[in-house]
Amino acid sequence: MSISMDDLELSCWECEGKGVIEQQGKQQTECPKCEGKGTVLTAQGQTLLHFIKKHL
């Protein structure tokens, strides 16, 4: 079984993968959905992260 990065995370739909959201013209703020990373975890990614945190 192999797992690809696409199985674990997706581009953030809120900031379109940029990590920042433009507000009031030119002011940019960190995207609240992805916390500035530009990606969000899938359900499988969240499960893997939980497993790793539990065993480390």
Protein backbone atom coordinates (compact mmCIF):
# COMPACT_ATOMS: atom_id res chain seq x y z
CA MET A 1 0.00 0.00 0.00
CA SER A 2 1.35 3.43 -0.87
CA ILE A 3 0.07 6.79 0.28
CA SER A 4 0.63 9.93 -1.75
CA MET A 5 0.67 13.49 -0.46
CA ASP A 6 -2.64 14.08 -2.28
CA ASP A 7 -4.17 11.45 0.01
CA LEU A 8 -3.03 13.38 3.09
CA GLU A 9 -3.50 17.04 2.24
CA LEU A 10 -5.27 19.31 -0.23
CA SER A 11 -4.81 22.93 -1.29
CA CYS A 12 -6.74 25.22 1.01
CA TRP A 13 -9.99 26.27 -0.64
CA GLU A 14 -10.19 29.49 1.37
CA CYS A 15 -6.88 31.04 0.24
CA GLU A 16 -6.43 28.89 -2.89
CA GLY A 17 -3.16 27.48 -1.53
CA LYS A 18 -1.49 30.87 -0.97
CA GLY A 19 -1.59 30.83 2.83
CA VAL A 20 -2.76 34.43 2.97
CA ILE A 21 -6.05 36.19 2.34
CA GLU A 22 -6.22 39.67 0.89
CA GLN A 23 -8.45 41.95 2.92
CA GLN A 24 -9.42 45.56 2.37
CA GLY A 25 -7.63 45.95 -0.94
CA LYS A 26 -3.96 45.17 -0.36
CA GLN A 27 -3.70 44.15 3.30
CA GLN A 28 -2.89 40.42 3.59
CA THR A 29 -3.56 38.30 6.65
CA GLU A 30 -2.76 34.68 7.44
CA CYS A 31 -5.50 32.33 6.30
CA PRO A 32 -7.48 31.08 9.31
CA LYS A 33 -8.45 27.77 7.65
CA CYS A 34 -4.90 26.54 6.92
CA GLU A 35 -3.03 28.74 9.43
CA GLY A 36 -0.87 30.12 6.61
CA LYS A 37 0.31 26.72 5.35
CA GLY A 38 -1.68 26.74 2.12
CA THR A 39 -2.90 23.18 2.65
CA VAL A 40 -5.47 21.44 4.83
CA LEU A 41 -5.36 17.84 6.02
CA THR A 42 -7.73 15.25 4.61
CA ALA A 43 -9.44 12.77 6.95
CA GLN A 44 -6.66 10.28 6.22
CA GLY A 45 -4.03 12.94 6.94
CA GLN A 46 -5.67 13.78 10.27
CA THR A 47 -5.75 10.09 11.20
CA LEU A 48 -2.06 9.65 10.38
CA LEU A 49 -1.11 12.79 12.34
CA HIS A 50 -3.10 11.59 15.37
CA PHE A 51 -1.38 8.18 15.19
CA ILE A 52 2.10 9.74 14.99
CA LYS A 53 1.43 12.13 17.90
CA LYS A 54 0.09 9.25 20.00
CA HIS A 55 3.17 7.10 19.49
CA LEU A 56 5.92 9.72 19.72
